[in-house]
Amino acid sequence: MVKRLSGQSVQRLAHENSEACSQTYRPWAIARILPNAKVYIVARFHNRQDADDHKRALHRFIPAAKFEIIFDPPNEEQQDNQA
Protein backbone atom coordinates (compact mmCIF):
# COMPACT_ATOMS: atom_id res chain seq x y z
CA MET A 1 0.00 0.00 0.00
CA VAL A 2 1.32 3.45 -0.96
CA LYS A 3 0.84 6.24 1.54
CA ARG A 4 0.04 9.67 0.13
CA LEU A 5 1.51 12.75 1.76
CA SER A 6 -0.32 16.02 2.12
CA GLY A 7 1.17 19.19 0.63
CA GLN A 8 2.30 20.36 4.07
CA SER A 9 4.07 17.06 4.74
CA VAL A 10 5.95 17.30 1.46
CA GLN A 11 6.98 20.89 2.20
CA ARG A 12 8.15 19.92 5.71
CA LEU A 13 10.22 17.01 4.34
CA ALA A 14 11.75 19.24 1.65
CA HIS A 15 12.62 21.87 4.27
CA GLU A 16 14.24 19.27 6.56
CA ASN A 17 16.21 17.88 3.62
CA SER A 18 17.46 21.33 2.58
CA GLU A 19 18.56 22.06 6.15
CA ALA A 20 20.50 18.79 6.29
CA CYS A 21 22.15 19.55 2.94
CA SER A 22 23.11 23.06 3.99
CA GLN A 23 24.89 21.67 7.05
CA THR A 24 27.11 19.35 4.99
CA TYR A 25 30.23 20.75 3.40
CA ARG A 26 30.68 20.74 -0.38
CA PRO A 27 34.36 21.27 -1.19
CA TRP A 28 34.17 21.24 -5.01
CA ALA A 29 33.00 24.51 -6.56
CA ILE A 30 32.54 25.99 -10.01
CA ALA A 31 33.86 29.51 -10.22
CA ARG A 32 33.01 31.88 -13.04
CA ILE A 33 35.99 34.05 -13.92
CA LEU A 34 34.84 37.64 -14.43
CA PRO A 35 36.70 40.74 -15.67
CA ASN A 36 38.93 42.70 -13.28
CA ALA A 37 40.08 39.50 -11.50
CA LYS A 38 36.66 38.88 -9.94
CA VAL A 39 35.38 35.39 -9.20
CA TYR A 40 31.78 34.29 -8.71
CA ILE A 41 31.00 30.86 -7.20
CA VAL A 42 28.25 29.38 -9.35
CA ALA A 43 27.63 26.09 -7.51
CA ARG A 44 29.13 23.70 -4.97
CA PHE A 45 29.31 19.90 -5.09
CA HIS A 46 30.27 16.94 -2.92
CA ASN A 47 32.41 15.33 -5.62
CA ARG A 48 34.52 16.38 -8.58
CA GLN A 49 32.56 14.38 -11.17
CA ASP A 50 29.34 16.26 -10.44
CA ALA A 51 31.22 19.55 -10.77
CA ASP A 52 32.68 18.48 -14.13
CA ASP A 53 29.25 17.46 -15.43
CA HIS A 54 27.69 20.74 -14.37
CA LYS A 55 30.56 22.72 -15.89
CA ARG A 56 29.99 20.99 -19.24
CA ALA A 57 26.31 21.95 -19.12
CA LEU A 58 27.19 25.55 -18.27
CA HIS A 59 29.52 25.74 -21.29
CA ARG A 60 26.67 24.62 -23.53
CA PHE A 61 24.41 27.41 -22.30
CA ILE A 62 27.04 30.15 -21.84
CA PRO A 63 29.88 29.34 -24.28
CA ALA A 64 31.58 32.74 -23.96
CA ALA A 65 31.98 32.49 -20.17
CA LYS A 66 35.08 31.06 -18.49
CA PHE A 67 34.50 28.55 -15.68
CA GLU A 68 37.01 26.78 -13.45
CA ILE A 69 36.56 23.97 -10.96
CA ILE A 70 38.19 24.66 -7.63
CA PHE A 71 38.69 22.65 -4.45
CA ASP A 72 37.90 24.70 -1.37
CA PRO A 73 38.98 22.68 1.69
CA PRO A 74 37.08 23.29 4.92
CA ASN A 75 38.71 25.54 7.48
CA GLU A 76 38.90 24.61 11.16
CA GLU A 77 35.68 26.44 12.05
CA GLN A 78 33.69 24.51 9.43
CA GLN A 79 35.19 21.21 10.60
CA ASP A 80 34.26 21.98 14.22
CA ASN A 81 30.67 22.76 13.23
CA GLN A 82 30.29 19.36 11.54
CA ALA A 83 31.69 17.37 14.46
C-alpha atoms as a PDB file:
ATOM      1  CA  MET A   1       0.000   0.000   0.000  1.00  0.00           C
ATOM      2  CA  VAL A   2       1.316   3.447  -0.958  1.00  0.00           C
ATOM      3  CA  LYS A   3       0.842   6.238   1.543  1.00  0.00           C
ATOM      4  CA  ARG A   4       0.042   9.670   0.127  1.00  0.00           C
ATOM      5  CA  LEU A   5       1.507  12.755   1.757  1.00  0.00           C
ATOM      6  CA  SER A   6      -0.318  16.020   2.115  1.00  0.00           C
ATOM      7  CA  GLY A   7       1.170  19.195   0.633  1.00  0.00           C
ATOM      8  CA  GLN A   8       2.298  20.360   4.074  1.00  0.00           C
ATOM      9  CA  SER A   9       4.067  17.063   4.743  1.00  0.00           C
ATOM     10  CA  VAL A  10       5.952  17.296   1.460  1.00  0.00           C
ATOM     11  CA  GLN A  11       6.983  20.887   2.198  1.00  0.00           C
ATOM     12  CA  ARG A  12       8.149  19.918   5.705  1.00  0.00           C
ATOM     13  CA  LEU A  13      10.217  17.014   4.336  1.00  0.00           C
ATOM     14  CA  ALA A  14      11.746  19.244   1.654  1.00  0.00           C
ATOM     15  CA  HIS A  15      12.625  21.866   4.274  1.00  0.00           C
ATOM     16  CA  GLU A  16      14.240  19.271   6.563  1.00  0.00           C
ATOM     17  CA  ASN A  17      16.215  17.875   3.620  1.00  0.00           C
ATOM     18  CA  SER A  18      17.456  21.332   2.579  1.00  0.00           C
ATOM     19  CA  GLU A  19      18.561  22.063   6.153  1.00  0.00           C
ATOM     20  CA  ALA A  20      20.495  18.792   6.286  1.00  0.00           C
ATOM     21  CA  CYS A  21      22.152  19.550   2.942  1.00  0.00           C
ATOM     22  CA  SER A  22      23.110  23.059   3.985  1.00  0.00           C
ATOM     23  CA  GLN A  23      24.894  21.669   7.053  1.00  0.00           C
ATOM     24  CA  THR A  24      27.107  19.353   4.993  1.00  0.00           C
ATOM     25  CA  TYR A  25      30.226  20.750   3.397  1.00  0.00           C
ATOM     26  CA  ARG A  26      30.677  20.740  -0.376  1.00  0.00           C
ATOM     27  CA  PRO A  27      34.361  21.274  -1.190  1.00  0.00           C
ATOM     28  CA  TRP A  28      34.168  21.244  -5.013  1.00  0.00           C
ATOM     29  CA  ALA A  29      32.998  24.505  -6.555  1.00  0.00           C
ATOM     30  CA  ILE A  30      32.536  25.987 -10.013  1.00  0.00           C
ATOM     31  CA  ALA A  31      33.858  29.507 -10.216  1.00  0.00           C
ATOM     32  CA  ARG A  32      33.008  31.878 -13.041  1.00  0.00           C
ATOM     33  CA  ILE A  33      35.987  34.048 -13.922  1.00  0.00           C
ATOM     34  CA  LEU A  34      34.843  37.639 -14.434  1.00  0.00           C
ATOM     35  CA  PRO A  35      36.702  40.737 -15.671  1.00  0.00           C
ATOM     36  CA  ASN A  36      38.927  42.698 -13.276  1.00  0.00           C
ATOM     37  CA  ALA A  37      40.076  39.503 -11.502  1.00  0.00           C
ATOM     38  CA  LYS A  38      36.663  38.882  -9.942  1.00  0.00           C
ATOM     39  CA  VAL A  39      35.381  35.392  -9.204  1.00  0.00           C
ATOM     40  CA  TYR A  40      31.779  34.286  -8.708  1.00  0.00           C
ATOM     41  CA  ILE A  41      31.002  30.863  -7.200  1.00  0.00           C
ATOM     42  CA  VAL A  42      28.251  29.376  -9.352  1.00  0.00           C
ATOM     43  CA  ALA A  43      27.631  26.092  -7.509  1.00  0.00           C
ATOM     44  CA  ARG A  44      29.133  23.698  -4.966  1.00  0.00           C
ATOM     45  CA  PHE A  45      29.307  19.896  -5.086  1.00  0.00           C
ATOM     46  CA  HIS A  46      30.266  16.938  -2.918  1.00  0.00           C
ATOM     47  CA  ASN A  47      32.406  15.327  -5.621  1.00  0.00           C
ATOM     48  CA  ARG A  48      34.516  16.380  -8.582  1.00  0.00           C
ATOM     49  CA  GLN A  49      32.564  14.380 -11.172  1.00  0.00           C
ATOM     50  CA  ASP A  50      29.339  16.258 -10.443  1.00  0.00           C
ATOM     51  CA  ALA A  51      31.218  19.549 -10.768  1.00  0.00           C
ATOM     52  CA  ASP A  52      32.684  18.476 -14.134  1.00  0.00           C
ATOM     53  CA  ASP A  53      29.250  17.456 -15.432  1.00  0.00           C
ATOM     54  CA  HIS A  54      27.685  20.740 -14.365  1.00  0.00           C
ATOM     55  CA  LYS A  55      30.561  22.720 -15.886  1.00  0.00           C
ATOM     56  CA  ARG A  56      29.986  20.991 -19.243  1.00  0.00           C
ATOM     57  CA  ALA A  57      26.314  21.947 -19.123  1.00  0.00           C
ATOM     58  CA  LEU A  58      27.191  25.551 -18.273  1.00  0.00           C
ATOM     59  CA  HIS A  59      29.521  25.739 -21.287  1.00  0.00           C
ATOM     60  CA  ARG A  60      26.671  24.619 -23.533  1.00  0.00           C
ATOM     61  CA  PHE A  61      24.405  27.410 -22.298  1.00  0.00           C
ATOM     62  CA  ILE A  62      27.035  30.152 -21.838  1.00  0.00           C
ATOM     63  CA  PRO A  63      29.877  29.338 -24.283  1.00  0.00           C
ATOM     64  CA  ALA A  64      31.578  32.737 -23.965  1.00  0.00           C
ATOM     65  CA  ALA A  65      31.984  32.491 -20.171  1.00  0.00           C
ATOM     66  CA  LYS A  66      35.081  31.062 -18.490  1.00  0.00           C
ATOM     67  CA  PHE A  67      34.495  28.551 -15.679  1.00  0.00           C
ATOM     68  CA  GLU A  68      37.013  26.785 -13.447  1.00  0.00           C
ATOM     69  CA  ILE A  69      36.562  23.967 -10.962  1.00  0.00           C
ATOM     70  CA  ILE A  70      38.193  24.658  -7.627  1.00  0.00           C
ATOM     71  CA  PHE A  71      38.690  22.648  -4.450  1.00  0.00           C
ATOM     72  CA  ASP A  72      37.903  24.704  -1.367  1.00  0.00           C
ATOM     73  CA  PRO A  73      38.979  22.678   1.688  1.00  0.00           C
ATOM     74  CA  PRO A  74      37.081  23.293   4.925  1.00  0.00           C
ATOM     75  CA  ASN A  75      38.714  25.544   7.476  1.00  0.00           C
ATOM     76  CA  GLU A  76      38.904  24.611  11.164  1.00  0.00           C
ATOM     77  CA  GLU A  77      35.682  26.441  12.045  1.00  0.00           C
ATOM     78  CA  GLN A  78      33.695  24.507   9.428  1.00  0.00           C
ATOM     79  CA  GLN A  79      35.187  21.207  10.605  1.00  0.00           C
ATOM     80  CA  ASP A  80      34.264  21.983  14.218  1.00  0.00           C
ATOM     81  CA  ASN A  81      30.667  22.756  13.226  1.00  0.00           C
ATOM     82  CA  GLN A  82      30.287  19.361  11.538  1.00  0.00           C
ATOM     83  CA  ALA A  83      31.686  17.369  14.464  1.00  0.00           C
END
